[in-house]
N, C-alpha and C. Protein backbone atom coordinates (compact mmCIF):
# COMPACT_ATOMS: atom_id res chain seq x y z
N MET A 1 44.91 -59.09 79.62
CA MET A 1 46.48 -58.72 79.95
C MET A 1 46.89 -60.15 79.09
N LYS A 2 48.10 -59.25 79.12
CA LYS A 2 49.32 -60.41 77.79
C LYS A 2 50.55 -59.89 78.51
N VAL A 3 51.56 -61.07 78.32
CA VAL A 3 52.59 -60.39 78.49
C VAL A 3 53.50 -59.07 77.53
N GLY A 4 54.05 -58.53 78.47
CA GLY A 4 54.55 -57.36 77.61
C GLY A 4 53.48 -56.27 77.46
N GLU A 5 52.42 -56.35 77.79
CA GLU A 5 51.27 -55.15 77.66
C GLU A 5 52.01 -54.05 78.83
N THR A 6 51.76 -52.75 78.59
CA THR A 6 52.29 -51.89 79.33
C THR A 6 51.10 -50.74 79.51
N PHE A 7 51.03 -50.62 80.89
CA PHE A 7 49.80 -49.62 81.49
C PHE A 7 50.43 -48.49 82.25
N ILE A 8 50.26 -47.08 81.67
CA ILE A 8 50.87 -45.82 82.24
C ILE A 8 49.94 -45.14 83.10
N HIS A 9 50.01 -44.43 84.23
CA HIS A 9 49.08 -43.47 84.71
C HIS A 9 50.33 -42.36 85.20
N GLU A 10 49.66 -41.15 85.15
CA GLU A 10 50.35 -39.99 85.53
C GLU A 10 49.40 -39.48 86.88
N PHE A 11 50.40 -38.94 87.79
CA PHE A 11 50.03 -38.47 88.92
C PHE A 11 50.87 -37.11 89.70
N GLN A 12 50.47 -36.89 90.83
CA GLN A 12 51.20 -36.07 91.60
C GLN A 12 50.53 -35.99 92.88
N PHE A 13 51.15 -35.96 94.03
CA PHE A 13 50.52 -35.31 95.38
C PHE A 13 51.13 -33.99 95.88
N SER A 14 50.31 -33.66 96.55
CA SER A 14 50.40 -32.11 97.19
C SER A 14 50.88 -32.23 98.73
N GLN A 15 51.27 -31.34 99.25
CA GLN A 15 51.69 -31.43 100.61
C GLN A 15 50.45 -31.90 101.64
N LYS A 16 49.27 -31.41 101.29
CA LYS A 16 48.28 -31.51 101.84
C LYS A 16 47.75 -33.33 102.39
N ASP A 17 48.18 -34.09 100.72
CA ASP A 17 47.96 -35.35 100.75
C ASP A 17 49.12 -35.92 101.74
N VAL A 18 50.24 -35.48 101.69
CA VAL A 18 51.41 -36.11 102.69
C VAL A 18 50.85 -35.94 103.96
N GLU A 19 50.33 -34.67 104.15
CA GLU A 19 50.04 -34.78 105.97
C GLU A 19 48.95 -35.82 106.18
N GLU A 20 47.81 -35.80 105.26
CA GLU A 20 46.99 -36.92 105.41
C GLU A 20 47.34 -38.28 105.55
N PHE A 21 48.21 -38.65 104.79
CA PHE A 21 48.79 -39.73 104.92
C PHE A 21 49.62 -40.21 106.12
N ALA A 22 50.03 -38.80 106.90
CA ALA A 22 50.87 -39.14 107.72
C ALA A 22 50.12 -39.58 109.37
N ARG A 23 48.66 -38.49 108.58
CA ARG A 23 47.72 -38.18 109.89
C ARG A 23 47.29 -39.93 109.75
N VAL A 24 46.67 -40.44 108.99
CA VAL A 24 45.82 -41.93 108.86
C VAL A 24 47.15 -42.95 109.06
N THR A 25 48.33 -43.10 108.75
CA THR A 25 49.46 -43.95 109.13
C THR A 25 49.97 -43.82 110.29
N GLY A 26 50.10 -42.67 110.91
CA GLY A 26 50.70 -42.20 112.25
C GLY A 26 52.13 -42.20 111.89
N ASP A 27 52.86 -41.86 110.83
CA ASP A 27 54.14 -41.89 110.26
C ASP A 27 54.17 -40.17 110.26
N ASN A 28 54.60 -39.49 111.70
CA ASN A 28 54.96 -38.06 111.29
C ASN A 28 56.12 -37.58 111.61
N ASN A 29 57.49 -39.00 110.88
CA ASN A 29 58.49 -38.51 110.69
C ASN A 29 58.85 -37.06 110.00
N PRO A 30 59.47 -36.09 110.85
CA PRO A 30 59.56 -34.69 110.15
C PRO A 30 60.07 -34.68 108.90
N VAL A 31 61.13 -35.56 108.58
CA VAL A 31 61.32 -35.45 107.00
C VAL A 31 60.02 -35.48 105.95
N HIS A 32 59.06 -35.68 106.39
CA HIS A 32 57.99 -35.45 105.52
C HIS A 32 57.17 -34.29 105.66
N ILE A 33 57.03 -33.83 106.64
CA ILE A 33 56.31 -32.62 107.19
C ILE A 33 56.63 -31.53 107.68
N ASP A 34 57.87 -31.21 108.10
CA ASP A 34 58.59 -29.94 108.91
C ASP A 34 59.76 -29.40 107.89
N PRO A 35 59.15 -28.41 107.06
CA PRO A 35 60.23 -28.02 106.02
C PRO A 35 61.38 -27.59 106.76
N GLU A 36 61.38 -26.96 107.87
CA GLU A 36 62.88 -26.47 108.71
C GLU A 36 63.60 -27.81 109.00
N TYR A 37 63.18 -28.91 109.39
CA TYR A 37 63.42 -30.31 109.85
C TYR A 37 64.19 -30.90 108.67
N ALA A 38 63.55 -30.83 107.72
CA ALA A 38 63.90 -31.46 106.29
C ALA A 38 65.10 -30.57 105.49
N ALA A 39 65.32 -29.20 105.65
CA ALA A 39 66.13 -28.39 105.24
C ALA A 39 67.47 -28.94 105.59
N LYS A 40 67.49 -29.38 106.94
CA LYS A 40 69.03 -30.10 107.69
C LYS A 40 69.28 -31.40 106.84
N THR A 41 68.46 -32.07 106.18
CA THR A 41 68.89 -32.99 105.96
C THR A 41 69.45 -33.58 104.14
N MET A 42 69.82 -34.42 104.05
CA MET A 42 70.61 -34.79 102.79
C MET A 42 69.50 -34.33 101.39
N PHE A 43 68.32 -34.34 102.13
CA PHE A 43 67.06 -34.01 101.02
C PHE A 43 67.05 -32.63 100.96
N LYS A 44 67.12 -31.71 101.60
CA LYS A 44 66.92 -30.22 101.67
C LYS A 44 65.69 -29.73 101.23
N ARG A 45 64.54 -30.63 101.41
CA ARG A 45 63.17 -30.17 101.78
C ARG A 45 62.38 -31.32 101.90
N PRO A 46 61.22 -31.27 102.43
CA PRO A 46 60.53 -32.55 102.66
C PRO A 46 59.98 -33.45 101.31
N ILE A 47 60.26 -34.60 101.80
CA ILE A 47 60.28 -35.53 100.84
C ILE A 47 58.73 -36.38 101.27
N MET A 48 58.30 -37.23 100.21
CA MET A 48 56.80 -37.79 100.20
C MET A 48 57.23 -39.30 100.93
N HIS A 49 56.35 -39.91 101.72
CA HIS A 49 56.57 -40.79 102.23
C HIS A 49 56.55 -41.93 100.88
N GLY A 50 57.79 -42.90 100.82
CA GLY A 50 57.84 -43.89 99.73
C GLY A 50 56.47 -44.84 99.59
N MET A 51 55.87 -44.70 100.86
CA MET A 51 54.47 -45.83 100.69
C MET A 51 53.32 -45.28 100.28
N LEU A 52 53.32 -43.82 100.34
CA LEU A 52 52.14 -42.84 99.81
C LEU A 52 52.41 -43.18 98.03
N GLY A 53 53.61 -42.86 97.59
CA GLY A 53 53.81 -42.96 96.13
C GLY A 53 53.46 -44.55 95.66
N ALA A 54 53.79 -45.68 96.75
CA ALA A 54 53.37 -47.11 96.05
C ALA A 54 52.01 -47.28 96.42
N ALA A 55 51.15 -46.85 96.88
CA ALA A 55 49.74 -46.87 97.20
C ALA A 55 48.93 -46.81 95.81
N LEU A 56 49.78 -46.07 94.99
CA LEU A 56 48.83 -45.66 93.71
C LEU A 56 48.90 -46.77 93.39
N PHE A 57 49.95 -47.98 93.36
CA PHE A 57 49.66 -49.27 92.51
C PHE A 57 48.33 -50.04 92.98
N SER A 58 48.15 -50.03 94.26
CA SER A 58 46.59 -50.79 94.51
C SER A 58 45.40 -49.66 93.97
N LYS A 59 45.77 -48.51 93.69
CA LYS A 59 44.48 -47.83 93.31
C LYS A 59 44.45 -48.39 91.24
N VAL A 60 45.78 -48.34 91.09
CA VAL A 60 45.47 -48.65 89.40
C VAL A 60 45.04 -50.39 89.32
N PHE A 61 45.58 -51.12 89.85
CA PHE A 61 45.57 -52.44 90.01
C PHE A 61 43.86 -52.52 90.36
N GLY A 62 43.16 -51.79 91.07
CA GLY A 62 42.10 -52.31 91.87
C GLY A 62 40.76 -51.28 90.61
N THR A 63 41.13 -50.36 89.98
CA THR A 63 40.25 -49.60 89.23
C THR A 63 40.68 -49.15 87.98
N MET A 64 41.85 -49.75 87.32
CA MET A 64 42.15 -49.18 85.89
C MET A 64 42.76 -50.52 85.24
N PHE A 65 43.95 -51.26 85.67
CA PHE A 65 44.38 -51.89 84.97
C PHE A 65 44.94 -53.31 86.01
N PRO A 66 44.53 -54.51 85.99
CA PRO A 66 43.16 -54.70 84.96
C PRO A 66 41.92 -54.23 85.53
N GLY A 67 41.71 -53.63 86.66
CA GLY A 67 40.42 -53.05 87.14
C GLY A 67 39.64 -53.73 88.09
N GLU A 68 38.59 -53.71 88.32
CA GLU A 68 37.53 -54.37 89.18
C GLU A 68 37.71 -55.74 89.33
N GLY A 69 37.72 -56.16 90.81
CA GLY A 69 37.89 -57.48 90.67
C GLY A 69 39.12 -58.09 91.24
N THR A 70 40.16 -57.33 90.95
CA THR A 70 41.27 -57.71 91.22
C THR A 70 41.80 -57.80 92.79
N ILE A 71 42.72 -58.92 92.91
CA ILE A 71 43.10 -58.88 94.34
C ILE A 71 44.40 -58.86 94.44
N TYR A 72 44.79 -58.14 94.88
CA TYR A 72 46.76 -57.64 95.06
C TYR A 72 47.28 -58.74 96.13
N LEU A 73 47.92 -59.39 95.61
CA LEU A 73 48.42 -60.51 96.35
C LEU A 73 50.01 -60.46 96.99
N LYS A 74 50.72 -59.72 96.27
CA LYS A 74 51.85 -59.45 96.64
C LYS A 74 52.78 -58.20 96.01
N GLN A 75 53.95 -57.48 96.40
CA GLN A 75 54.29 -56.65 96.30
C GLN A 75 55.74 -56.35 96.69
N SER A 76 57.29 -56.46 95.91
CA SER A 76 58.27 -55.89 96.40
C SER A 76 58.30 -54.54 96.03
N LEU A 77 59.27 -53.81 96.80
CA LEU A 77 59.55 -52.10 96.66
C LEU A 77 60.85 -51.88 96.84
N ASN A 78 61.24 -51.12 96.04
CA ASN A 78 62.69 -50.65 96.08
C ASN A 78 62.18 -49.04 95.87
N PHE A 79 62.98 -48.08 97.01
CA PHE A 79 62.73 -46.97 96.86
C PHE A 79 63.98 -46.04 96.77
N LEU A 80 64.51 -45.94 95.41
CA LEU A 80 65.50 -45.59 94.77
C LEU A 80 66.07 -44.13 94.77
N LYS A 81 64.94 -43.41 94.66
CA LYS A 81 65.28 -41.89 94.79
C LYS A 81 64.05 -40.97 95.51
N PRO A 82 64.15 -40.29 96.40
CA PRO A 82 63.24 -39.45 96.84
C PRO A 82 61.97 -38.85 95.92
N MET A 83 60.74 -38.56 96.25
CA MET A 83 59.71 -38.14 95.82
C MET A 83 59.15 -36.77 96.46
N TYR A 84 58.92 -36.06 95.57
CA TYR A 84 58.56 -34.61 96.41
C TYR A 84 56.91 -34.47 95.71
N VAL A 85 56.22 -33.42 96.56
CA VAL A 85 55.05 -32.89 96.53
C VAL A 85 55.12 -32.06 95.19
N ASP A 86 54.00 -31.72 94.88
CA ASP A 86 53.51 -31.05 93.66
C ASP A 86 54.65 -31.26 92.43
N THR A 87 55.21 -32.30 92.09
CA THR A 87 56.00 -32.73 90.89
C THR A 87 55.09 -34.11 90.33
N PRO A 88 55.16 -33.99 89.02
CA PRO A 88 54.64 -34.93 87.75
C PRO A 88 55.22 -36.28 87.82
N TYR A 89 54.71 -37.45 88.19
CA TYR A 89 55.15 -38.64 88.10
C TYR A 89 54.38 -39.33 87.30
N ILE A 90 55.09 -40.46 86.67
CA ILE A 90 54.41 -41.84 85.84
C ILE A 90 54.34 -42.67 86.75
N ALA A 91 53.31 -43.64 87.16
CA ALA A 91 53.33 -44.86 87.08
C ALA A 91 53.23 -46.10 85.93
N GLU A 92 54.35 -46.73 85.74
CA GLU A 92 54.42 -47.90 84.58
C GLU A 92 54.25 -49.27 84.98
N PHE A 93 53.44 -49.91 84.58
CA PHE A 93 53.36 -51.23 84.95
C PHE A 93 53.50 -51.87 83.45
N THR A 94 54.37 -53.07 83.76
CA THR A 94 54.54 -54.06 82.57
C THR A 94 54.14 -55.69 82.74
N VAL A 95 53.52 -56.46 82.10
CA VAL A 95 53.07 -57.43 82.52
C VAL A 95 54.21 -58.42 82.08
N LYS A 96 54.76 -59.12 83.02
CA LYS A 96 56.15 -60.04 82.95
C LYS A 96 55.74 -61.39 82.80
N GLU A 97 54.72 -61.64 83.54
CA GLU A 97 54.31 -63.08 83.34
C GLU A 97 52.52 -63.51 83.44
N ILE A 98 51.92 -64.57 82.96
CA ILE A 98 50.63 -64.55 83.21
C ILE A 98 50.90 -66.18 83.65
N ILE A 99 49.99 -66.46 84.90
CA ILE A 99 49.68 -67.82 85.27
C ILE A 99 48.26 -68.18 85.00
N THR A 100 48.21 -68.51 84.02
CA THR A 100 46.75 -68.80 83.41
C THR A 100 46.01 -69.55 84.53
N GLU A 101 46.49 -70.92 84.99
CA GLU A 101 45.55 -71.75 86.05
C GLU A 101 45.37 -71.19 87.18
N LYS A 102 45.90 -69.99 87.15
CA LYS A 102 45.79 -69.63 88.92
C LYS A 102 45.01 -68.13 88.70
N ASN A 103 44.89 -67.77 87.28
CA ASN A 103 44.24 -66.19 86.79
C ASN A 103 45.12 -65.14 87.64
N ARG A 104 46.65 -65.50 87.62
CA ARG A 104 47.19 -64.40 88.13
C ARG A 104 48.32 -63.68 86.95
N ALA A 105 48.89 -62.49 87.39
CA ALA A 105 49.65 -61.85 86.67
C ALA A 105 51.10 -61.44 87.65
N ILE A 106 52.30 -61.41 86.84
CA ILE A 106 53.41 -60.67 87.53
C ILE A 106 53.71 -59.72 86.87
N VAL A 107 53.58 -58.30 87.53
CA VAL A 107 53.67 -57.15 86.81
C VAL A 107 54.83 -56.25 87.72
N GLU A 108 55.89 -55.86 86.58
CA GLU A 108 56.75 -55.02 87.23
C GLU A 108 56.16 -53.47 87.30
N THR A 109 56.37 -53.00 88.62
CA THR A 109 55.83 -51.87 89.02
C THR A 109 56.92 -50.69 88.99
N LEU A 110 56.82 -49.46 88.49
CA LEU A 110 57.72 -48.50 88.58
C LEU A 110 57.21 -47.15 88.90
N ILE A 111 57.65 -46.36 89.46
CA ILE A 111 57.64 -44.82 89.59
C ILE A 111 58.82 -43.93 88.83
N LYS A 112 58.35 -43.15 87.81
CA LYS A 112 59.26 -42.34 87.41
C LYS A 112 59.04 -40.79 87.37
N ASP A 113 59.92 -40.12 87.64
CA ASP A 113 59.79 -38.83 87.43
C ASP A 113 59.71 -38.33 86.03
N LYS A 114 58.37 -37.73 85.88
CA LYS A 114 58.05 -37.47 84.56
C LYS A 114 59.19 -36.68 83.51
N VAL A 115 59.84 -35.90 84.06
CA VAL A 115 60.37 -34.50 83.49
C VAL A 115 61.96 -35.53 83.36
N SER A 116 62.48 -36.15 84.36
CA SER A 116 63.87 -36.41 84.30
C SER A 116 64.02 -38.08 83.67
N GLY A 117 62.78 -38.52 83.93
CA GLY A 117 62.45 -39.96 83.75
C GLY A 117 63.42 -40.87 84.69
N ASN A 118 63.92 -40.21 85.63
CA ASN A 118 64.70 -40.91 87.17
C ASN A 118 63.90 -41.95 87.47
N VAL A 119 64.20 -43.41 87.80
CA VAL A 119 63.38 -44.26 88.39
C VAL A 119 63.28 -43.99 89.89
N CYS A 120 62.25 -43.76 90.93
CA CYS A 120 61.91 -43.31 92.13
C CYS A 120 61.88 -44.81 92.74
N THR A 121 60.79 -45.38 92.54
CA THR A 121 60.54 -46.33 92.85
C THR A 121 60.32 -47.68 92.01
N SER A 122 60.99 -48.83 92.44
CA SER A 122 60.47 -50.16 91.29
C SER A 122 59.97 -51.37 92.19
N GLY A 123 59.52 -52.24 91.44
CA GLY A 123 59.08 -53.28 92.34
C GLY A 123 58.49 -54.23 91.36
N GLU A 124 57.72 -55.42 91.89
CA GLU A 124 57.14 -56.38 91.36
C GLU A 124 55.72 -56.86 91.85
N ALA A 125 54.81 -57.04 91.05
CA ALA A 125 53.46 -57.22 91.84
C ALA A 125 53.17 -58.39 91.42
N VAL A 126 52.33 -59.23 92.38
CA VAL A 126 51.72 -60.44 91.89
C VAL A 126 49.96 -60.09 92.16
N ILE A 127 49.48 -60.25 91.15
CA ILE A 127 47.80 -59.90 91.46
C ILE A 127 46.93 -61.25 90.61
N MET A 128 45.65 -61.08 90.93
CA MET A 128 44.95 -62.13 90.41
C MET A 128 43.48 -61.48 90.24
N ASN A 129 42.93 -61.96 89.14
CA ASN A 129 41.54 -61.39 88.44
C ASN A 129 40.77 -62.37 87.97
N VAL A 130 39.98 -63.15 88.54
CA VAL A 130 39.51 -64.33 87.54
C VAL A 130 38.76 -63.95 86.34
N ASN A 131 38.25 -62.55 86.59
CA ASN A 131 37.55 -62.19 84.84
C ASN A 131 38.57 -61.67 84.14
N LYS A 132 39.56 -61.16 84.24
CA LYS A 132 40.39 -60.36 83.36
C LYS A 132 41.52 -61.00 83.21
N ILE A 133 42.11 -62.01 83.66
CA ILE A 133 43.57 -62.75 83.76
C ILE A 133 43.30 -64.14 83.26
N LYS A 134 43.35 -64.64 82.07
CA LYS A 134 42.98 -65.82 81.89
C LYS A 134 44.08 -66.33 80.63
């Protein structure tokens, strides 16, 4: 990893994924799983759990960028726009700083709507990997 390096990962989730996330976490807020309820909200349709989208960051850090051996130490999150099922998104990771003596990196984390480019989720992560961050 080096400062300025960027990694992109495309993804989308289904309503079944949202329902499974609700089951596993116990977050059964009807705005996520009940179309009739959600229709009466400002969103007009069910929205995904913000943490479901953000959970993708863990997948990327642990398996793709930088990958195996990564320890996720910290994450800030800002939920800026709702996310919807069956919608293509891009997770974008940009290395902001390398702390070589601790094998750590500070990485900007974004989720963008692939079509509009709107940022739905933004934040910053601190990760450690003794083999890949030097």
